Amino acid sequence: MLGTRRIADDVALVVSELVTNAVRHSGCRPGQTIGFDALWSGGCVRIAVHDPGRSDQAPRIGQRAPTEAGGLGLRLVQQLARRWGSDRRDGRLVWAELAL
């Protein structure tokens, strides 16, 4: 459905980064879930990850030195997506749109 292998790889990487961030930072407890959705429309794919949103901090690109490990996930998402953001509704929803 995604056409080229490049966009499929980009989508897989963005999904991986957003779900990893949700697992690491959401404060999700046993029995709670992290959800994922993708919608293809108008020449783009919109990826959305929803978590319980127990953290009060909105997702943001880290300000780490290039020599420090980690903290590059949202920087990758920003580079691959034409836009991304987050919303607070019944938890935290982080989304990214990639052009097909």
PDB file of N, CA and C in Angstrom:
ATOM      1  N   MET A   1       0.802  -1.205   0.000  1.00  0.00           N
ATOM      2  CA  MET A   1       0.000   0.000   0.000  1.00  0.00           C
ATOM      3  C   MET A   1       0.842   1.265   0.000  1.00  0.00           C
ATOM      4  N   LEU A   2       2.025   1.191   0.560  1.00  0.00           N
ATOM      5  CA  LEU A   2       2.847   2.386   0.676  1.00  0.00           C
ATOM      6  C   LEU A   2       3.651   2.680  -0.572  1.00  0.00           C
ATOM      7  N   GLY A   3       3.627   1.776  -1.549  1.00  0.00           N
ATOM      8  CA  GLY A   3       4.324   2.056  -2.804  1.00  0.00           C
ATOM      9  C   GLY A   3       5.793   1.716  -2.736  1.00  0.00           C
ATOM     10  N   THR A   4       6.623   2.690  -2.486  1.00  0.00           N
ATOM     11  CA  THR A   4       8.062   2.463  -2.525  1.00  0.00           C
ATOM     12  C   THR A   4       8.586   1.932  -1.204  1.00  0.00           C
ATOM     13  N   ARG A   5       9.668   1.230  -1.285  1.00  0.00           N
ATOM     14  CA  ARG A   5      10.304   0.690  -0.079  1.00  0.00           C
ATOM     15  C   ARG A   5      10.796   1.817   0.823  1.00  0.00           C
ATOM     16  N   ARG A   6      11.259   2.925   0.242  1.00  0.00           N
ATOM     17  CA  ARG A   6      11.765   4.028   1.048  1.00  0.00           C
ATOM     18  C   ARG A   6      10.695   4.552   1.995  1.00  0.00           C
ATOM     19  N   ILE A   7       9.498   4.816   1.485  1.00  0.00           N
ATOM     20  CA  ILE A   7       8.451   5.358   2.353  1.00  0.00           C
ATOM     21  C   ILE A   7       8.017   4.308   3.368  1.00  0.00           C
ATOM     22  N   ALA A   8       7.999   3.047   2.980  1.00  0.00           N
ATOM     23  CA  ALA A   8       7.646   1.992   3.935  1.00  0.00           C
ATOM     24  C   ALA A   8       8.667   1.947   5.076  1.00  0.00           C
ATOM     25  N   ASP A   9       9.942   2.081   4.742  1.00  0.00           N
ATOM     26  CA  ASP A   9      10.980   2.105   5.774  1.00  0.00           C
ATOM     27  C   ASP A   9      10.841   3.336   6.663  1.00  0.00           C
ATOM     28  N   ASP A  10      10.536   4.491   6.063  1.00  0.00           N
ATOM     29  CA  ASP A  10      10.354   5.718   6.838  1.00  0.00           C
ATOM     30  C   ASP A  10       9.167   5.589   7.794  1.00  0.00           C
ATOM     31  N   VAL A  11       8.060   5.032   7.294  1.00  0.00           N
ATOM     32  CA  VAL A  11       6.876   4.839   8.144  1.00  0.00           C
ATOM     33  C   VAL A  11       7.207   3.900   9.294  1.00  0.00           C
ATOM     34  N   ALA A  12       7.893   2.798   9.006  1.00  0.00           N
ATOM     35  CA  ALA A  12       8.260   1.851  10.062  1.00  0.00           C
ATOM     36  C   ALA A  12       9.144   2.516  11.115  1.00  0.00           C
ATOM     37  N   LEU A  13      10.084   3.341  10.689  1.00  0.00           N
ATOM     38  CA  LEU A  13      10.970   4.024  11.634  1.00  0.00           C
ATOM     39  C   LEU A  13      10.193   5.017  12.497  1.00  0.00           C
ATOM     40  N   VAL A  14       9.300   5.792  11.901  1.00  0.00           N
ATOM     41  CA  VAL A  14       8.508   6.760  12.663  1.00  0.00           C
ATOM     42  C   VAL A  14       7.602   6.041  13.661  1.00  0.00           C
ATOM     43  N   VAL A  15       6.954   4.974  13.234  1.00  0.00           N
ATOM     44  CA  VAL A  15       6.114   4.194  14.153  1.00  0.00           C
ATOM     45  C   VAL A  15       6.952   3.688  15.314  1.00  0.00           C
ATOM     46  N   SER A  16       8.107   3.127  15.016  1.00  0.00           N
ATOM     47  CA  SER A  16       8.993   2.603  16.050  1.00  0.00           C
ATOM     48  C   SER A  16       9.394   3.677  17.056  1.00  0.00           C
ATOM     49  N   GLU A  17       9.766   4.845  16.567  1.00  0.00           N
ATOM     50  CA  GLU A  17      10.188   5.937  17.451  1.00  0.00           C
ATOM     51  C   GLU A  17       9.036   6.425  18.326  1.00  0.00           C
ATOM     52  N   LEU A  18       7.844   6.609  17.738  1.00  0.00           N
ATOM     53  CA  LEU A  18       6.713   7.115  18.513  1.00  0.00           C
ATOM     54  C   LEU A  18       6.232   6.104  19.553  1.00  0.00           C
ATOM     55  N   VAL A  19       6.199   4.833  19.185  1.00  0.00           N
ATOM     56  CA  VAL A  19       5.786   3.813  20.148  1.00  0.00           C
ATOM     57  C   VAL A  19       6.841   3.665  21.250  1.00  0.00           C
ATOM     58  N   THR A  20       8.114   3.695  20.898  1.00  0.00           N
ATOM     59  CA  THR A  20       9.178   3.620  21.905  1.00  0.00           C
ATOM     60  C   THR A  20       9.070   4.773  22.886  1.00  0.00           C
ATOM     61  N   ASN A  21       8.840   5.984  22.390  1.00  0.00           N
ATOM     62  CA  ASN A  21       8.684   7.130  23.285  1.00  0.00           C
ATOM     63  C   ASN A  21       7.478   6.954  24.199  1.00  0.00           C
ATOM     64  N   ALA A  22       6.385   6.435  23.666  1.00  0.00           N
ATOM     65  CA  ALA A  22       5.197   6.209  24.493  1.00  0.00           C
ATOM     66  C   ALA A  22       5.495   5.197  25.601  1.00  0.00           C
ATOM     67  N   VAL A  23       6.192   4.133  25.258  1.00  0.00           N
ATOM     68  CA  VAL A  23       6.541   3.116  26.263  1.00  0.00           C
ATOM     69  C   VAL A  23       7.452   3.716  27.326  1.00  0.00           C
ATOM     70  N   ARG A  24       8.435   4.493  26.920  1.00  0.00           N
ATOM     71  CA  ARG A  24       9.423   5.043  27.859  1.00  0.00           C
ATOM     72  C   ARG A  24       8.900   6.199  28.702  1.00  0.00           C
ATOM     73  N   HIS A  25       8.022   7.035  28.144  1.00  0.00           N
ATOM     74  CA  HIS A  25       7.701   8.294  28.813  1.00  0.00           C
ATOM     75  C   HIS A  25       6.246   8.468  29.240  1.00  0.00           C
ATOM     76  N   SER A  26       5.363   7.547  28.897  1.00  0.00           N
ATOM     77  CA  SER A  26       3.935   7.767  29.151  1.00  0.00           C
ATOM     78  C   SER A  26       3.511   7.494  30.585  1.00  0.00           C
ATOM     79  N   GLY A  27       4.312   6.736  31.320  1.00  0.00           N
ATOM     80  CA  GLY A  27       3.882   6.336  32.655  1.00  0.00           C
ATOM     81  C   GLY A  27       2.820   5.260  32.600  1.00  0.00           C
ATOM     82  N   CYS A  28       2.767   4.543  31.502  1.00  0.00           N
ATOM     83  CA  CYS A  28       1.780   3.481  31.312  1.00  0.00           C
ATOM     84  C   CYS A  28       1.978   2.407  32.386  1.00  0.00           C
ATOM     85  N   ARG A  29       0.893   2.018  33.006  1.00  0.00           N
ATOM     86  CA  ARG A  29       0.920   1.008  34.073  1.00  0.00           C
ATOM     87  C   ARG A  29       0.418  -0.326  33.533  1.00  0.00           C
ATOM     88  N   PRO A  30       0.724  -1.419  34.237  1.00  0.00           N
ATOM     89  CA  PRO A  30       0.193  -2.719  33.805  1.00  0.00           C
ATOM     90  C   PRO A  30      -1.329  -2.645  33.636  1.00  0.00           C
ATOM     91  N   GLY A  31      -1.812  -3.205  32.560  1.00  0.00           N
ATOM     92  CA  GLY A  31      -3.236  -3.187  32.259  1.00  0.00           C
ATOM     93  C   GLY A  31      -3.659  -2.023  31.381  1.00  0.00           C
ATOM     94  N   GLN A  32      -2.812  -0.998  31.270  1.00  0.00           N
ATOM     95  CA  GLN A  32      -3.100   0.111  30.367  1.00  0.00           C
ATOM     96  C   GLN A  32      -2.504  -0.196  28.996  1.00  0.00           C
ATOM     97  N   THR A  33      -3.006   0.465  27.983  1.00  0.00           N
ATOM     98  CA  THR A  33      -2.545   0.162  26.628  1.00  0.00           C
ATOM     99  C   THR A  33      -1.982   1.393  25.931  1.00  0.00           C
ATOM    100  N   ILE A  34      -1.168   1.103  24.942  1.00  0.00           N
ATOM    101  CA  ILE A  34      -0.659   2.103  24.009  1.00  0.00           C
ATOM    102  C   ILE A  34      -1.212   1.690  22.652  1.00  0.00           C
ATOM    103  N   GLY A  35      -1.902   2.613  21.995  1.00  0.00           N
ATOM    104  CA  GLY A  35      -2.529   2.301  20.715  1.00  0.00           C
ATOM    105  C   GLY A  35      -1.814   2.960  19.547  1.00  0.00           C
ATOM    106  N   PHE A  36      -2.006   2.390  18.386  1.00  0.00           N
ATOM    107  CA  PHE A  36      -1.373   2.875  17.165  1.00  0.00           C
ATOM    108  C   PHE A  36      -2.407   2.881  16.057  1.00  0.00           C
ATOM    109  N   ASP A  37      -2.352   3.897  15.210  1.00  0.00           N
ATOM    110  CA  ASP A  37      -3.268   3.996  14.082  1.00  0.00           C
ATOM    111  C   ASP A  37      -2.523   4.613  12.905  1.00  0.00           C
ATOM    112  N   ALA A  38      -2.898   4.228  11.700  1.00  0.00           N
ATOM    113  CA  ALA A  38      -2.328   4.829  10.492  1.00  0.00           C
ATOM    114  C   ALA A  38      -3.456   5.055   9.502  1.00  0.00           C
ATOM    115  N   LEU A  39      -3.419   6.200   8.847  1.00  0.00           N
ATOM    116  CA  LEU A  39      -4.452   6.552   7.877  1.00  0.00           C
ATOM    117  C   LEU A  39      -3.773   7.068   6.614  1.00  0.00           C
ATOM    118  N   TRP A  40      -4.115   6.461   5.481  1.00  0.00           N
ATOM    119  CA  TRP A  40      -3.599   6.897   4.198  1.00  0.00           C
ATOM    120  C   TRP A  40      -4.647   7.785   3.554  1.00  0.00           C
ATOM    121  N   SER A  41      -4.286   9.014   3.206  1.00  0.00           N
ATOM    122  CA  SER A  41      -5.251   9.930   2.603  1.00  0.00           C
ATOM    123  C   SER A  41      -4.528  11.114   1.975  1.00  0.00           C
ATOM    124  N   GLY A  42      -5.000  11.557   0.838  1.00  0.00           N
ATOM    125  CA  GLY A  42      -4.496  12.778   0.216  1.00  0.00           C
ATOM    126  C   GLY A  42      -3.003  12.819  -0.010  1.00  0.00           C
ATOM    127  N   GLY A  43      -2.411  11.711  -0.394  1.00  0.00           N
ATOM    128  CA  GLY A  43      -0.978  11.697  -0.686  1.00  0.00           C
ATOM    129  C   GLY A  43      -0.077  11.643   0.529  1.00  0.00           C
ATOM    130  N   CYS A  44      -0.637  11.307   1.695  1.00  0.00           N
ATOM    131  CA  CYS A  44       0.212  11.175   2.877  1.00  0.00           C
ATOM    132  C   CYS A  44      -0.309  10.059   3.766  1.00  0.00           C
ATOM    133  N   VAL A  45       0.539   9.635   4.657  1.00  0.00           N
ATOM    134  CA  VAL A  45       0.142   8.676   5.692  1.00  0.00           C
ATOM    135  C   VAL A  45       0.268   9.397   7.030  1.00  0.00           C
ATOM    136  N   ARG A  46      -0.792   9.316   7.833  1.00  0.00           N
ATOM    137  CA  ARG A  46      -0.803   9.937   9.166  1.00  0.00           C
ATOM    138  C   ARG A  46      -0.711   8.822  10.189  1.00  0.00           C
ATOM    139  N   ILE A  47       0.340   8.875  10.973  1.00  0.00           N
ATOM    140  CA  ILE A  47       0.597   7.898  12.017  1.00  0.00           C
ATOM    141  C   ILE A  47       0.238   8.544  13.348  1.00  0.00           C
ATOM    142  N   ALA A  48      -0.470   7.825  14.194  1.00  0.00           N
ATOM    143  CA  ALA A  48      -0.833   8.355  15.507  1.00  0.00           C
ATOM    144  C   ALA A  48      -0.621   7.275  16.570  1.00  0.00           C
ATOM    145  N   VAL A  49      -0.012   7.671  17.682  1.00  0.00           N
ATOM    146  CA  VAL A  49       0.201   6.772  18.810  1.00  0.00           C
ATOM    147  C   VAL A  49      -0.458   7.411  20.017  1.00  0.00           C
ATOM    148  N   HIS A  50      -1.306   6.639  20.687  1.00  0.00           N
ATOM    149  CA  HIS A  50      -2.047   7.135  21.852  1.00  0.00           C
ATOM    150  C   HIS A  50      -1.607   6.363  23.090  1.00  0.00           C
ATOM    151  N   ASP A  51      -1.336   7.099  24.160  1.00  0.00           N
ATOM    152  CA  ASP A  51      -0.975   6.459  25.426  1.00  0.00           C
ATOM    153  C   ASP A  51      -1.767   7.107  26.558  1.00  0.00           C
ATOM    154  N   PRO A  52      -1.692   6.544  27.772  1.00  0.00           N
ATOM    155  CA  PRO A  52      -2.460   7.089  28.891  1.00  0.00           C
ATOM    156  C   PRO A  52      -2.076   8.520  29.264  1.00  0.00           C
ATOM    157  N   GLY A  53      -0.926   8.979  28.836  1.00  0.00           N
ATOM    158  CA  GLY A  53      -0.537  10.372  29.043  1.00  0.00           C
ATOM    159  C   GLY A  53      -0.369  10.782  30.485  1.00  0.00           C
ATOM    160  N   ARG A  54       0.239   9.921  31.272  1.00  0.00           N
ATOM    161  CA  ARG A  54       0.426  10.220  32.689  1.00  0.00           C
ATOM    162  C   ARG A  54       1.519  11.267  32.916  1.00  0.00           C
ATOM    163  N   SER A  55       2.377  11.473  31.928  1.00  0.00           N
ATOM    164  CA  SER A  55       3.410  12.498  32.021  1.00  0.00           C
ATOM    165  C   SER A  55       2.807  13.862  31.706  1.00  0.00           C
ATOM    166  N   ASP A  56       3.220  14.873  32.442  1.00  0.00           N
ATOM    167  CA  ASP A  56       2.740  16.232  32.187  1.00  0.00           C
ATOM    168  C   ASP A  56       3.540  16.940  31.099  1.00  0.00           C
ATOM    169  N   GLN A  57       4.657  16.355  30.694  1.00  0.00           N
ATOM    170  CA  GLN A  57       5.502  17.002  29.693  1.00  0.00           C
ATOM    171  C   GLN A  57       5.061  16.640  28.282  1.00  0.00           C
ATOM    172  N   ALA A  58       4.934  17.662  27.442  1.00  0.00           N
ATOM    173  CA  ALA A  58       4.632  17.432  26.032  1.00  0.00           C
ATOM    174  C   ALA A  58       5.885  16.913  25.335  1.00  0.00           C
ATOM    175  N   PRO A  59       5.724  16.087  24.311  1.00  0.00           N
ATOM    176  CA  PRO A  59       6.883  15.616  23.557  1.00  0.00           C
ATOM    177  C   PRO A  59       7.650  16.794  22.967  1.00  0.00           C
ATOM    178  N   ARG A  60       8.976  16.723  23.039  1.00  0.00           N
ATOM    179  CA  ARG A  60       9.802  17.782  22.475  1.00  0.00           C
ATOM    180  C   ARG A  60      11.126  17.182  22.027  1.00  0.00           C
ATOM    181  N   ILE A  61      11.740  17.845  21.085  1.00  0.00           N
ATOM    182  CA  ILE A  61      13.034  17.390  20.580  1.00  0.00           C
ATOM    183  C   ILE A  61      14.082  17.689  21.638  1.00  0.00           C
ATOM    184  N   GLY A  62      14.855  16.667  21.988  1.00  0.00           N
ATOM    185  CA  GLY A  62      15.880  16.808  23.023  1.00  0.00           C
ATOM    186  C   GLY A  62      17.022  17.716  22.602  1.00  0.00           C
ATOM    187  N   GLN A  63      17.659  18.299  23.584  1.00  0.00           N
ATOM    188  CA  GLN A  63      18.796  19.198  23.348  1.00  0.00           C
ATOM    189  C   GLN A  63      20.083  18.533  23.830  1.00  0.00           C
ATOM    190  N   ARG A  64      20.361  17.367  23.358  1.00  0.00           N
ATOM    191  CA  ARG A  64      21.553  16.629  23.765  1.00  0.00           C
ATOM    192  C   ARG A  64      22.730  16.952  22.861  1.00  0.00           C
ATOM    193  N   ALA A  65      23.896  16.806  23.441  1.00  0.00           N
ATOM    194  CA  ALA A  65      25.122  16.955  22.653  1.00  0.00           C
ATOM    195  C   ALA A  65      25.228  15.775  21.682  1.00  0.00           C
ATOM    196  N   PRO A  66      25.844  15.976  20.526  1.00  0.00           N
ATOM    197  CA  PRO A  66      25.970  14.895  19.543  1.00  0.00           C
ATOM    198  C   PRO A  66      26.684  13.664  20.080  1.00  0.00           C
ATOM    199  N   THR A  67      27.487  13.821  21.122  1.00  0.00           N
ATOM    200  CA  THR A  67      28.225  12.684  21.671  1.00  0.00           C
ATOM    201  C   THR A  67      27.414  11.892  22.699  1.00  0.00           C
ATOM    202  N   GLU A  68      26.255  12.410  23.129  1.00  0.00           N
ATOM    203  CA  GLU A  68      25.421  11.709  24.106  1.00  0.00           C
ATOM    204  C   GLU A  68      24.542  10.678  23.397  1.00  0.00           C
ATOM    205  N   ALA A  69      24.335   9.554  24.087  1.00  0.00           N
ATOM    206  CA  ALA A  69      23.479   8.502  23.543  1.00  0.00           C
ATOM    207  C   ALA A  69      22.014   8.837  23.775  1.00  0.00           C
ATOM    208  N   GLY A  70      21.159   8.417  22.841  1.00  0.00           N
ATOM    209  CA  GLY A  70      19.724   8.570  23.002  1.00  0.00           C
ATOM    210  C   GLY A  70      19.237   9.972  22.692  1.00  0.00           C
ATOM    211  N   GLY A  71      17.914  10.137  22.784  1.00  0.00           N
ATOM    212  CA  GLY A  71      17.312  11.438  22.595  1.00  0.00           C
ATOM    213  C   GLY A  71      17.171  11.902  21.157  1.00  0.00           C
ATOM    214  N   LEU A  72      17.307  10.977  20.209  1.00  0.00           N
ATOM    215  CA  LEU A  72      17.250  11.380  18.803  1.00  0.00           C
ATOM    216  C   LEU A  72      15.937  11.012  18.111  1.00  0.00           C
ATOM    217  N   GLY A  73      15.046  10.322  18.814  1.00  0.00           N
ATOM    218  CA  GLY A  73      13.819   9.821  18.199  1.00  0.00           C
ATOM    219  C   GLY A  73      12.972  10.886  17.545  1.00  0.00           C
ATOM    220  N   LEU A  74      12.629  11.934  18.282  1.00  0.00           N
ATOM    221  CA  LEU A  74      11.790  12.979  17.699  1.00  0.00           C
ATOM    222  C   LEU A  74      12.536  13.807  16.665  1.00  0.00           C
ATOM    223  N   ARG A  75      13.850  13.866  16.771  1.00  0.00           N
ATOM    224  CA  ARG A  75      14.640  14.541  15.737  1.00  0.00           C
ATOM    225  C   ARG A  75      14.507  13.774  14.410  1.00  0.00           C
ATOM    226  N   LEU A  76      14.537  12.443  14.485  1.00  0.00           N
ATOM    227  CA  LEU A  76      14.325  11.620  13.284  1.00  0.00           C
ATOM    228  C   LEU A  76      12.912  11.818  12.737  1.00  0.00           C
ATOM    229  N   VAL A  77      11.929  11.817  13.642  1.00  0.00           N
ATOM    230  CA  VAL A  77      10.546  12.022  13.214  1.00  0.00           C
ATOM    231  C   VAL A  77      10.420  13.367  12.501  1.00  0.00           C
ATOM    232  N   GLN A  78      11.012  14.400  13.052  1.00  0.00           N
ATOM    233  CA  GLN A  78      10.949  15.738  12.438  1.00  0.00           C
ATOM    234  C   GLN A  78      11.573  15.731  11.047  1.00  0.00           C
ATOM    235  N   GLN A  79      12.667  15.008  10.871  1.00  0.00           N
ATOM    236  CA  GLN A  79      13.340  14.960   9.572  1.00  0.00           C
ATOM    237  C   GLN A  79      12.535  14.186   8.530  1.00  0.00           C
ATOM    238  N   LEU A  80      11.826  13.153   8.955  1.00  0.00           N
ATOM    239  CA  LEU A  80      11.109  12.296   8.016  1.00  0.00           C
ATOM    240  C   LEU A  80       9.682  12.780   7.726  1.00  0.00           C
ATOM    241  N   ALA A  81       9.063  13.434   8.690  1.00  0.00           N
ATOM    242  CA  ALA A  81       7.665  13.840   8.552  1.00  0.00           C
ATOM    243  C   ALA A  81       7.561  15.239   7.965  1.00  0.00           C
ATOM    244  N   ARG A  82       6.486  15.473   7.227  1.00  0.00           N
ATOM    245  CA  ARG A  82       6.265  16.843   6.746  1.00  0.00           C
ATOM    246  C   ARG A  82       5.733  17.715   7.873  1.00  0.00           C
ATOM    247  N   ARG A  83       5.097  17.085   8.880  1.00  0.00           N
ATOM    248  CA  ARG A  83       4.737  17.772  10.121  1.00  0.00           C
ATOM    249  C   ARG A  83       4.415  16.728  11.176  1.00  0.00           C
ATOM    250  N   TRP A  84       4.516  17.131  12.443  1.00  0.00           N
ATOM    251  CA  TRP A  84       4.189  16.244  13.550  1.00  0.00           C
ATOM    252  C   TRP A  84       3.756  17.099  14.737  1.00  0.00           C
ATOM    253  N   GLY A  85       3.135  16.476  15.707  1.00  0.00           N
ATOM    254  CA  GLY A  85       2.699  17.208  16.889  1.00  0.00           C
ATOM    255  C   GLY A  85       2.065  16.287  17.899  1.00  0.00           C
ATOM    256  N   SER A  86       1.472  16.883  18.913  1.00  0.00           N
ATOM    257  CA  SER A  86       0.799  16.088  19.944  1.00  0.00           C
ATOM    258  C   SER A  86      -0.431  16.821  20.444  1.00  0.00           C
ATOM    259  N   ASP A  87      -1.363  16.055  20.956  1.00  0.00           N
ATOM    260  CA  ASP A  87      -2.598  16.571  21.515  1.00  0.00           C
ATOM    261  C   ASP A  87      -2.853  15.870  22.850  1.00  0.00           C
ATOM    262  N   ARG A  88      -3.510  16.594  23.741  1.00  0.00           N
ATOM    263  CA  ARG A  88      -3.935  16.027  25.023  1.00  0.00           C
ATOM    264  C   ARG A  88      -5.423  15.780  24.937  1.00  0.00           C
ATOM    265  N   ARG A  89      -5.816  14.544  24.765  1.00  0.00           N
ATOM    266  CA  ARG A  89      -7.232  14.193  24.856  1.00  0.00           C
ATOM    267  C   ARG A  89      -7.316  12.748  25.297  1.00  0.00           C
ATOM    268  N   ASP A  90      -7.880  12.579  26.450  1.00  0.00           N
ATOM    269  CA  ASP A  90      -7.976  11.240  27.037  1.00  0.00           C
ATOM    270  C   ASP A  90      -6.612  10.555  27.006  1.00  0.00           C
ATOM    271  N   GLY A  91      -5.607  11.250  27.463  1.00  0.00           N
ATOM    272  CA  GLY A  91      -4.232  10.767  27.425  1.00  0.00           C
ATOM    273  C   GLY A  91      -3.405  11.649  26.517  1.00  0.00           C
ATOM    274  N   ARG A  92      -2.429  11.066  25.869  1.00  0.00           N
ATOM    275  CA  ARG A  92      -1.554  11.810  24.960  1.00  0.00           C
ATOM    276  C   ARG A  92      -1.605  11.140  23.594  1.00  0.00           C
ATOM    277  N   LEU A  93      -1.788  11.942  22.556  1.00  0.00           N
ATOM    278  CA  LEU A  93      -1.771  11.475  21.182  1.00  0.00           C
ATOM    279  C   LEU A  93      -0.613  12.182  20.485  1.00  0.00           C
ATOM    280  N   VAL A  94       0.330  11.418  19.966  1.00  0.00           N
ATOM    281  CA  VAL A  94       1.447  11.972  19.202  1.00  0.00           C
ATOM    282  C   VAL A  94       1.281  11.476  17.772  1.00  0.00           C
ATOM    283  N   TRP A  95       1.375  12.395  16.821  1.00  0.00           N
ATOM    284  CA  TRP A  95       1.116  12.054  15.435  1.00  0.00           C
ATOM    285  C   TRP A  95       2.203  12.615  14.521  1.00  0.00           C
ATOM    286  N   ALA A  96       2.294  12.012  13.350  1.00  0.00           N
ATOM    287  CA  ALA A  96       3.235  12.474  12.319  1.00  0.00           C
ATOM    288  C   ALA A  96       2.618  12.186  10.956  1.00  0.00           C
ATOM    289  N   GLU A  97       2.850  13.091  10.013  1.00  0.00           N
ATOM    290  CA  GLU A  97       2.379  12.911   8.647  1.00  0.00           C
ATOM    291  C   GLU A  97       3.575  12.829   7.694  1.00  0.00           C
ATOM    292  N   LEU A  98       3.597  11.786   6.901  1.00  0.00           N
ATOM    293  CA  LEU A  98       4.661  11.588   5.915  1.00  0.00           C
ATOM    294  C   LEU A  98       4.061  11.624   4.525  1.00  0.00           C
ATOM    295  N   ALA A  99       4.697  12.345   3.618  1.00  0.00           N
ATOM    296  CA  ALA A  99       4.239  12.396   2.225  1.00  0.00           C
ATOM    297  C   ALA A  99       4.546  11.073   1.554  1.00  0.00           C
ATOM    298  N   LEU A 100       3.590  10.614   0.748  1.00  0.00           N
ATOM    299  CA  LEU A 100       3.786   9.364   0.003  1.00  0.00           C
ATOM    300  C   LEU A 100       4.489   9.620  -1.302  1.00  0.00           C
TER     301      LEU A 100
END
